[in-house]
Amino acid sequence: MADAAPVSDEDFQAACEAARKLTGVSSDDQLVLYGNFKRIKSGADAGARPGLMDPKGRAKWDGWNACKDKSEQEAKNDYVARVKKLQGEA
């Protein structure tokens, strides 16, 4: 998505609201959304990976860590594009 127009903060906030209303979203899509959201809101450093006794935490960490090389703008673009795809708009 490097050639896509930058997503505005307003478009990102609208996508966040729309994402809360989505139903039937696969775990993979949820983790992609989570990873991009965390990259935007908390930065690229996901910290230490949770231990084996926390599989949900590990999956969420993996989603966030997968976005560590993205810029904040790339993460916003990807987040909005994924929400639109899940809504059937893309």
Protein backbone atom coordinates (compact mmCIF):
# COMPACT_ATOMS: atom_id res chain seq x y z
CA MET A 1 0.00 0.00 0.00
CA ALA A 2 2.99 2.30 -0.29
CA ASP A 3 1.40 4.07 -3.28
CA ALA A 4 -1.94 4.71 -1.54
CA ALA A 5 -2.92 8.18 -0.42
CA PRO A 6 -2.28 8.78 3.28
CA VAL A 7 -5.25 8.05 5.53
CA SER A 8 -6.34 10.96 7.72
CA ASP A 9 -6.75 10.69 11.48
CA GLU A 10 -10.50 11.15 10.99
CA ASP A 11 -10.66 8.24 8.53
CA PHE A 12 -8.67 6.11 10.96
CA GLN A 13 -11.03 6.96 13.84
CA ALA A 14 -14.03 6.14 11.64
CA ALA A 15 -12.43 2.79 10.76
CA CYS A 16 -11.88 2.08 14.47
CA GLU A 17 -15.57 2.68 15.14
CA ALA A 18 -16.55 0.50 12.18
CA ALA A 19 -14.19 -2.27 13.33
CA ARG A 20 -15.98 -2.45 16.70
CA LYS A 21 -19.20 -3.26 14.87
CA LEU A 22 -17.80 -6.00 12.63
CA THR A 23 -19.01 -9.54 13.21
CA GLY A 24 -17.70 -12.88 12.03
CA VAL A 25 -14.13 -11.64 11.66
CA SER A 26 -11.51 -14.39 11.47
CA SER A 27 -8.76 -14.64 14.08
CA ASP A 28 -6.18 -13.79 11.43
CA ASP A 29 -8.00 -10.61 10.47
CA GLN A 30 -8.44 -9.68 14.13
CA LEU A 31 -4.71 -10.06 14.72
CA VAL A 32 -3.86 -7.95 11.67
CA LEU A 33 -6.19 -5.20 12.91
CA TYR A 34 -4.80 -5.48 16.43
CA GLY A 35 -1.20 -5.36 15.24
CA ASN A 36 -1.76 -2.28 13.12
CA PHE A 37 -3.76 -0.58 15.89
CA LYS A 38 -1.05 -1.22 18.47
CA ARG A 39 1.63 -0.02 16.06
CA ILE A 40 -0.27 3.24 15.65
CA LYS A 41 -1.17 3.77 19.30
CA SER A 42 1.84 2.28 21.13
CA GLY A 43 4.71 2.36 18.68
CA ALA A 44 6.91 -0.30 17.15
CA ASP A 45 8.38 -1.82 20.32
CA ALA A 46 6.17 -4.73 21.34
CA GLY A 47 8.38 -5.54 24.33
CA ALA A 48 9.06 -9.08 25.46
CA ARG A 49 6.98 -11.90 23.99
CA PRO A 50 4.61 -13.48 26.54
CA GLY A 51 5.39 -17.00 27.73
CA LEU A 52 3.92 -20.30 26.60
CA MET A 53 1.26 -20.18 29.30
CA ASP A 54 -0.31 -17.13 27.62
CA PRO A 55 -1.22 -18.24 24.07
CA LYS A 56 -3.65 -15.35 23.54
CA GLY A 57 -1.04 -12.84 24.65
CA ARG A 58 1.55 -14.46 22.39
CA ALA A 59 -0.77 -14.28 19.38
CA LYS A 60 -1.51 -10.61 20.05
CA TRP A 61 2.20 -9.90 20.51
CA ASP A 62 2.94 -11.67 17.22
CA GLY A 63 0.35 -9.49 15.46
CA TRP A 64 1.88 -6.33 16.90
CA ASN A 65 5.45 -7.44 16.27
CA ALA A 66 4.59 -8.18 12.63
CA CYS A 67 3.96 -4.44 12.21
CA LYS A 68 7.21 -3.24 13.78
CA ASP A 69 8.79 -2.29 10.44
CA LYS A 70 5.79 -0.27 9.27
CA SER A 71 5.58 3.47 9.66
CA GLU A 72 2.61 4.81 11.60
CA GLN A 73 1.11 6.01 8.30
CA GLU A 74 1.52 2.58 6.67
CA ALA A 75 -0.20 0.99 9.66
CA LYS A 76 -3.09 3.47 9.39
CA ASN A 77 -3.45 2.82 5.67
CA ASP A 78 -3.40 -0.95 6.22
CA TYR A 79 -5.89 -0.75 9.11
CA VAL A 80 -8.41 1.31 7.15
CA ALA A 81 -8.00 -0.87 4.05
CA ARG A 82 -8.57 -4.06 6.09
CA VAL A 83 -11.71 -2.66 7.76
CA LYS A 84 -13.10 -1.63 4.37
CA LYS A 85 -12.34 -5.08 2.99
CA LEU A 86 -14.08 -6.74 5.95
CA GLN A 87 -17.08 -4.46 5.42
CA GLY A 88 -17.15 -5.51 1.77
CA GLU A 89 -16.27 -2.05 0.50
CA ALA A 90 -12.89 -2.86 -1.05
